[in-house]
């Protein structure tokens, strides 16, 4: 379920900026509609991809992504660029949202619904079935990895983060991230090779 954006963000305020202009965020600043729209447009795909790696269904990733941006709106005044980048702050919110939902699911398990076919996939059911089988296989292998390995893969390939940003989000040394990510990929590769 995607939640509605508060009414104060439904109409654009003056001061809209061109797409190529960089957004300068300041501590304690009010979040305006044009700034939120730009942040949403810039970060939505990466947050959604990250959460897709961390969850078991598209609907769950969509719900969590909506929750993350809802929290950006409600907690924006707590963002302080002196403490870290907006990206680091945003993905900390995404990580916490996923963690909280995972804890909640353990306490209140429920059966998952099958994902529906997308319009483009309806035209070629064979391709869709093959793609779904590959994705199911990949998800199965990813779930066999440790929580740390899953987190590393989700940040790198789901969110498309650089290793430097991953280090900031995970509060690790950049070299440690590089080594840990390489090991996670090797473990994932071994799982694929063991089946063949």
C-alpha atoms as a PDB file:
ATOM      1  CA  UNK A   1       0.000   0.000   0.000  1.00  0.00           C
ATOM      2  CA  UNK A   2       1.511   3.331  -1.124  1.00  0.00           C
ATOM      3  CA  UNK A   3       0.645   6.111   1.294  1.00  0.00           C
ATOM      4  CA  UNK A   4      -0.319   9.655   0.309  1.00  0.00           C
ATOM      5  CA  UNK A   5       2.133  12.532   0.526  1.00  0.00           C
ATOM      6  CA  UNK A   6       1.001  15.206   3.024  1.00  0.00           C
ATOM      7  CA  UNK A   7      -1.061  18.020   1.461  1.00  0.00           C
ATOM      8  CA  UNK A   8       1.677  20.611   1.995  1.00  0.00           C
ATOM      9  CA  UNK A   9       3.736  18.822  -0.669  1.00  0.00           C
ATOM     10  CA  UNK A  10       1.001  18.504  -3.286  1.00  0.00           C
ATOM     11  CA  UNK A  11       1.425  21.942  -4.825  1.00  0.00           C
ATOM     12  CA  UNK A  12       4.747  23.274  -6.031  1.00  0.00           C
ATOM     13  CA  UNK A  13       6.060  26.339  -4.277  1.00  0.00           C
ATOM     14  CA  UNK A  14       8.046  29.087  -5.932  1.00  0.00           C
ATOM     15  CA  UNK A  15      11.765  28.580  -6.308  1.00  0.00           C
ATOM     16  CA  UNK A  16      11.660  25.548  -8.570  1.00  0.00           C
ATOM     17  CA  UNK A  17      15.122  24.735  -9.881  1.00  0.00           C
ATOM     18  CA  UNK A  18      16.312  23.382 -13.219  1.00  0.00           C
ATOM     19  CA  UNK A  19      17.132  19.629 -13.266  1.00  0.00           C
ATOM     20  CA  UNK A  20      20.864  20.182 -13.672  1.00  0.00           C
ATOM     21  CA  UNK A  21      21.088  22.480 -10.664  1.00  0.00           C
ATOM     22  CA  UNK A  22      22.505  20.853  -7.554  1.00  0.00           C
ATOM     23  CA  UNK A  23      20.408  20.856  -4.393  1.00  0.00           C
ATOM     24  CA  UNK A  24      22.136  22.403  -1.381  1.00  0.00           C
ATOM     25  CA  UNK A  25      20.653  20.989   1.823  1.00  0.00           C
ATOM     26  CA  UNK A  26      21.117  22.759   5.135  1.00  0.00           C
ATOM     27  CA  UNK A  27      20.613  21.561   8.701  1.00  0.00           C
ATOM     28  CA  UNK A  28      17.171  22.256  10.185  1.00  0.00           C
ATOM     29  CA  UNK A  29      15.869  23.673   6.898  1.00  0.00           C
ATOM     30  CA  UNK A  30      12.197  23.294   5.936  1.00  0.00           C
ATOM     31  CA  UNK A  31      11.618  20.746   3.174  1.00  0.00           C
ATOM     32  CA  UNK A  32       9.914  22.490   0.256  1.00  0.00           C
ATOM     33  CA  UNK A  33       7.868  20.722  -2.376  1.00  0.00           C
ATOM     34  CA  UNK A  34      10.382  21.350  -5.228  1.00  0.00           C
ATOM     35  CA  UNK A  35      13.251  20.030  -3.120  1.00  0.00           C
ATOM     36  CA  UNK A  36      11.281  16.948  -2.083  1.00  0.00           C
ATOM     37  CA  UNK A  37      10.220  16.323  -5.695  1.00  0.00           C
ATOM     38  CA  UNK A  38      13.824  16.515  -6.839  1.00  0.00           C
ATOM     39  CA  UNK A  39      15.076  14.243  -4.043  1.00  0.00           C
ATOM     40  CA  UNK A  40      12.276  11.779  -4.747  1.00  0.00           C
ATOM     41  CA  UNK A  41      13.024  11.739  -8.487  1.00  0.00           C
ATOM     42  CA  UNK A  42      16.765  11.355  -7.885  1.00  0.00           C
ATOM     43  CA  UNK A  43      16.649   8.699  -5.170  1.00  0.00           C
ATOM     44  CA  UNK A  44      13.430   6.726  -5.638  1.00  0.00           C
ATOM     45  CA  UNK A  45      14.882   4.189  -8.138  1.00  0.00           C
ATOM     46  CA  UNK A  46      17.912   3.488  -5.948  1.00  0.00           C
ATOM     47  CA  UNK A  47      15.925   3.149  -2.721  1.00  0.00           C
ATOM     48  CA  UNK A  48      13.386   0.903  -4.438  1.00  0.00           C
ATOM     49  CA  UNK A  49      16.131  -1.277  -5.988  1.00  0.00           C
ATOM     50  CA  UNK A  50      17.911  -1.555  -2.644  1.00  0.00           C
ATOM     51  CA  UNK A  51      14.707  -2.642  -0.913  1.00  0.00           C
ATOM     52  CA  UNK A  52      13.903  -5.042  -3.769  1.00  0.00           C
ATOM     53  CA  UNK A  53      17.154  -6.830  -2.985  1.00  0.00           C
ATOM     54  CA  UNK A  54      16.272  -6.953   0.706  1.00  0.00           C
ATOM     55  CA  UNK A  55      12.627  -8.094   0.447  1.00  0.00           C
ATOM     56  CA  UNK A  56      10.798 -11.045  -1.043  1.00  0.00           C
ATOM     57  CA  UNK A  57       8.161  -9.249  -3.119  1.00  0.00           C
ATOM     58  CA  UNK A  58       7.679  -6.189  -5.269  1.00  0.00           C
ATOM     59  CA  UNK A  59       4.758  -5.034  -3.122  1.00  0.00           C
ATOM     60  CA  UNK A  60       6.850  -5.170   0.033  1.00  0.00           C
ATOM     61  CA  UNK A  61       9.618  -3.136  -1.635  1.00  0.00           C
ATOM     62  CA  UNK A  62       7.042  -0.574  -2.818  1.00  0.00           C
ATOM     63  CA  UNK A  63       5.526  -0.241   0.651  1.00  0.00           C
ATOM     64  CA  UNK A  64       8.896   0.173   2.302  1.00  0.00           C
ATOM     65  CA  UNK A  65      10.007   2.711  -0.291  1.00  0.00           C
ATOM     66  CA  UNK A  66       6.866   4.766   0.395  1.00  0.00           C
ATOM     67  CA  UNK A  67       7.577   4.523   4.125  1.00  0.00           C
ATOM     68  CA  UNK A  68      11.163   5.715   3.610  1.00  0.00           C
ATOM     69  CA  UNK A  69      10.066   8.843   1.752  1.00  0.00           C
ATOM     70  CA  UNK A  70       7.320   9.454   4.301  1.00  0.00           C
ATOM     71  CA  UNK A  71      10.029   9.435   6.969  1.00  0.00           C
ATOM     72  CA  UNK A  72      12.190  11.775   4.876  1.00  0.00           C
ATOM     73  CA  UNK A  73       9.305  14.252   5.017  1.00  0.00           C
ATOM     74  CA  UNK A  74       8.642  13.817   8.736  1.00  0.00           C
ATOM     75  CA  UNK A  75      12.283  13.688   9.845  1.00  0.00           C
ATOM     76  CA  UNK A  76      13.857  16.106   7.368  1.00  0.00           C
ATOM     77  CA  UNK A  77      14.586  18.746   9.988  1.00  0.00           C
ATOM     78  CA  UNK A  78      16.811  16.234  11.796  1.00  0.00           C
ATOM     79  CA  UNK A  79      19.079  15.876   8.727  1.00  0.00           C
ATOM     80  CA  UNK A  80      22.443  17.559   9.299  1.00  0.00           C
ATOM     81  CA  UNK A  81      24.847  17.651   6.323  1.00  0.00           C
ATOM     82  CA  UNK A  82      27.777  18.174   8.715  1.00  0.00           C
ATOM     83  CA  UNK A  83      27.202  14.644  10.072  1.00  0.00           C
ATOM     84  CA  UNK A  84      27.046  12.951   6.662  1.00  0.00           C
ATOM     85  CA  UNK A  85      25.637  13.113   3.170  1.00  0.00           C
ATOM     86  CA  UNK A  86      21.939  13.050   2.380  1.00  0.00           C
ATOM     87  CA  UNK A  87      22.457   9.700   0.652  1.00  0.00           C
ATOM     88  CA  UNK A  88      23.941   8.190   3.803  1.00  0.00           C
ATOM     89  CA  UNK A  89      21.057   9.556   5.895  1.00  0.00           C
ATOM     90  CA  UNK A  90      18.457   8.326   3.395  1.00  0.00           C
ATOM     91  CA  UNK A  91      19.846   4.793   3.191  1.00  0.00           C
ATOM     92  CA  UNK A  92      20.098   4.645   6.982  1.00  0.00           C
ATOM     93  CA  UNK A  93      16.347   5.308   7.030  1.00  0.00           C
ATOM     94  CA  UNK A  94      15.842   2.587   4.383  1.00  0.00           C
ATOM     95  CA  UNK A  95      17.965   0.085   6.331  1.00  0.00           C
ATOM     96  CA  UNK A  96      16.060   0.815   9.546  1.00  0.00           C
ATOM     97  CA  UNK A  97      12.692   0.518   7.792  1.00  0.00           C
ATOM     98  CA  UNK A  98      13.682  -2.890   6.413  1.00  0.00           C
ATOM     99  CA  UNK A  99      15.053  -4.024   9.765  1.00  0.00           C
ATOM    100  CA  UNK A 100      11.880  -2.946  11.597  1.00  0.00           C
ATOM    101  CA  UNK A 101       9.652  -4.706   9.077  1.00  0.00           C
ATOM    102  CA  UNK A 102      11.770  -7.877   9.267  1.00  0.00           C
ATOM    103  CA  UNK A 103      11.379  -7.891  13.043  1.00  0.00           C
ATOM    104  CA  UNK A 104       7.657  -7.333  12.712  1.00  0.00           C
ATOM    105  CA  UNK A 105       7.308 -10.153  10.150  1.00  0.00           C
ATOM    106  CA  UNK A 106       9.030 -12.565  12.525  1.00  0.00           C
ATOM    107  CA  UNK A 107       6.484 -11.684  15.192  1.00  0.00           C
ATOM    108  CA  UNK A 108       3.506 -11.675  12.799  1.00  0.00           C
ATOM    109  CA  UNK A 109       4.218 -14.013   9.865  1.00  0.00           C
ATOM    110  CA  UNK A 110       1.870 -13.961   6.902  1.00  0.00           C
ATOM    111  CA  UNK A 111       1.600 -15.747   3.617  1.00  0.00           C
ATOM    112  CA  UNK A 112       2.949 -13.815   0.605  1.00  0.00           C
ATOM    113  CA  UNK A 113       0.905 -13.237  -2.511  1.00  0.00           C
ATOM    114  CA  UNK A 114       2.262 -14.073  -5.980  1.00  0.00           C
ATOM    115  CA  UNK A 115       3.422 -11.093  -8.032  1.00  0.00           C
ATOM    116  CA  UNK A 116       1.274 -10.175 -11.002  1.00  0.00           C
ATOM    117  CA  UNK A 117       2.454 -10.056 -14.590  1.00  0.00           C
ATOM    118  CA  UNK A 118       3.545  -6.674 -15.911  1.00  0.00           C
ATOM    119  CA  UNK A 119       2.066  -5.540 -19.224  1.00  0.00           C
ATOM    120  CA  UNK A 120       5.323  -5.971 -21.136  1.00  0.00           C
ATOM    121  CA  UNK A 121       5.762  -9.483 -19.740  1.00  0.00           C
ATOM    122  CA  UNK A 122       2.257 -10.590 -20.766  1.00  0.00           C
ATOM    123  CA  UNK A 123       3.301 -10.491 -24.426  1.00  0.00           C
ATOM    124  CA  UNK A 124       5.926 -13.198 -24.028  1.00  0.00           C
ATOM    125  CA  UNK A 125       5.062 -15.690 -21.281  1.00  0.00           C
ATOM    126  CA  UNK A 126       8.102 -17.873 -22.000  1.00  0.00           C
ATOM    127  CA  UNK A 127      10.527 -15.004 -21.342  1.00  0.00           C
ATOM    128  CA  UNK A 128       8.587 -14.082 -18.254  1.00  0.00           C
ATOM    129  CA  UNK A 129       8.709 -17.623 -16.875  1.00  0.00           C
ATOM    130  CA  UNK A 130      12.451 -17.942 -17.544  1.00  0.00           C
ATOM    131  CA  UNK A 131      13.133 -14.580 -15.960  1.00  0.00           C
ATOM    132  CA  UNK A 132      11.025 -15.460 -12.923  1.00  0.00           C
ATOM    133  CA  UNK A 133      12.855 -18.773 -12.534  1.00  0.00           C
ATOM    134  CA  UNK A 134      16.225 -17.018 -12.646  1.00  0.00           C
ATOM    135  CA  UNK A 135      15.065 -14.389 -10.160  1.00  0.00           C
ATOM    136  CA  UNK A 136      13.671 -17.061  -7.846  1.00  0.00           C
ATOM    137  CA  UNK A 137      16.966 -18.922  -8.047  1.00  0.00           C
ATOM    138  CA  UNK A 138      18.929 -15.743  -7.299  1.00  0.00           C
ATOM    139  CA  UNK A 139      16.624 -14.805  -4.392  1.00  0.00           C
ATOM    140  CA  UNK A 140      16.964 -18.334  -3.008  1.00  0.00           C
ATOM    141  CA  UNK A 141      20.747 -18.125  -3.086  1.00  0.00           C
ATOM    142  CA  UNK A 142      20.777 -14.635  -1.613  1.00  0.00           C
ATOM    143  CA  UNK A 143      18.617 -15.799   1.307  1.00  0.00           C
ATOM    144  CA  UNK A 144      21.218 -18.488   2.018  1.00  0.00           C
ATOM    145  CA  UNK A 145      23.878 -15.823   2.557  1.00  0.00           C
ATOM    146  CA  UNK A 146      24.514 -14.154   5.887  1.00  0.00           C
ATOM    147  CA  UNK A 147      22.670 -10.957   6.796  1.00  0.00           C
ATOM    148  CA  UNK A 148      25.886  -8.987   6.287  1.00  0.00           C
ATOM    149  CA  UNK A 149      26.446 -10.428   2.794  1.00  0.00           C
ATOM    150  CA  UNK A 150      22.835  -9.675   1.815  1.00  0.00           C
ATOM    151  CA  UNK A 151      23.215  -6.111   3.069  1.00  0.00           C
ATOM    152  CA  UNK A 152      26.433  -5.591   1.113  1.00  0.00           C
ATOM    153  CA  UNK A 153      24.910  -6.930  -2.116  1.00  0.00           C
ATOM    154  CA  UNK A 154      21.752  -4.860  -1.694  1.00  0.00           C
ATOM    155  CA  UNK A 155      23.654  -1.618  -1.148  1.00  0.00           C
ATOM    156  CA  UNK A 156      26.053  -2.227  -4.033  1.00  0.00           C
ATOM    157  CA  UNK A 157      23.741  -3.689  -6.666  1.00  0.00           C
ATOM    158  CA  UNK A 158      20.287  -2.694  -5.455  1.00  0.00           C
ATOM    159  CA  UNK A 159      21.102   0.890  -4.461  1.00  0.00           C
ATOM    160  CA  UNK A 160      24.055   1.261  -6.836  1.00  0.00           C
ATOM    161  CA  UNK A 161      26.216   2.737  -4.094  1.00  0.00           C
ATOM    162  CA  UNK A 162      29.920   3.268  -4.368  1.00  0.00           C
ATOM    163  CA  UNK A 163      32.057   1.393  -1.891  1.00  0.00           C
ATOM    164  CA  UNK A 164      32.934   4.703  -0.252  1.00  0.00           C
ATOM    165  CA  UNK A 165      29.240   5.461   0.408  1.00  0.00           C
ATOM    166  CA  UNK A 166      28.660   1.878   1.560  1.00  0.00           C
ATOM    167  CA  UNK A 167      31.437   2.360   4.097  1.00  0.00           C
ATOM    168  CA  UNK A 168      29.697   5.473   5.424  1.00  0.00           C
ATOM    169  CA  UNK A 169      26.287   3.801   5.672  1.00  0.00           C
ATOM    170  CA  UNK A 170      27.688   0.648   7.284  1.00  0.00           C
ATOM    171  CA  UNK A 171      30.176   2.577   9.431  1.00  0.00           C
ATOM    172  CA  UNK A 172      33.040   0.470   8.106  1.00  0.00           C
ATOM    173  CA  UNK A 173      36.432   1.133   6.598  1.00  0.00           C
ATOM    174  CA  UNK A 174      36.283   1.364   2.770  1.00  0.00           C
ATOM    175  CA  UNK A 175      38.898  -1.393   2.362  1.00  0.00           C
ATOM    176  CA  UNK A 176      36.882  -3.651   4.660  1.00  0.00           C
ATOM    177  CA  UNK A 177      33.809  -3.057   2.504  1.00  0.00           C
ATOM    178  CA  UNK A 178      35.773  -3.961  -0.643  1.00  0.00           C
ATOM    179  CA  UNK A 179      37.060  -7.192   0.887  1.00  0.00           C
ATOM    180  CA  UNK A 180      33.682  -8.140   2.415  1.00  0.00           C
ATOM    181  CA  UNK A 181      31.844  -7.445  -0.855  1.00  0.00           C
ATOM    182  CA  UNK A 182      34.316  -9.581  -2.806  1.00  0.00           C
ATOM    183  CA  UNK A 183      33.827 -12.429  -0.354  1.00  0.00           C
ATOM    184  CA  UNK A 184      30.039 -12.108  -0.537  1.00  0.00           C
ATOM    185  CA  UNK A 185      30.172 -12.329  -4.336  1.00  0.00           C
ATOM    186  CA  UNK A 186      32.419 -15.399  -4.164  1.00  0.00           C
ATOM    187  CA  UNK A 187      29.998 -17.099  -1.761  1.00  0.00           C
ATOM    188  CA  UNK A 188      27.079 -16.290  -4.074  1.00  0.00           C
ATOM    189  CA  UNK A 189      29.013 -17.601  -7.090  1.00  0.00           C
ATOM    190  CA  UNK A 190      29.784 -20.853  -5.236  1.00  0.00           C
ATOM    191  CA  UNK A 191      26.075 -21.371  -4.602  1.00  0.00           C
ATOM    192  CA  UNK A 192      25.346 -20.985  -8.321  1.00  0.00           C
ATOM    193  CA  UNK A 193      28.214 -23.290  -9.292  1.00  0.00           C
ATOM    194  CA  UNK A 194      27.207 -25.967  -6.777  1.00  0.00           C
ATOM    195  CA  UNK A 195      23.871 -26.404  -8.541  1.00  0.00           C
ATOM    196  CA  UNK A 196      25.357 -26.761 -12.043  1.00  0.00           C
END
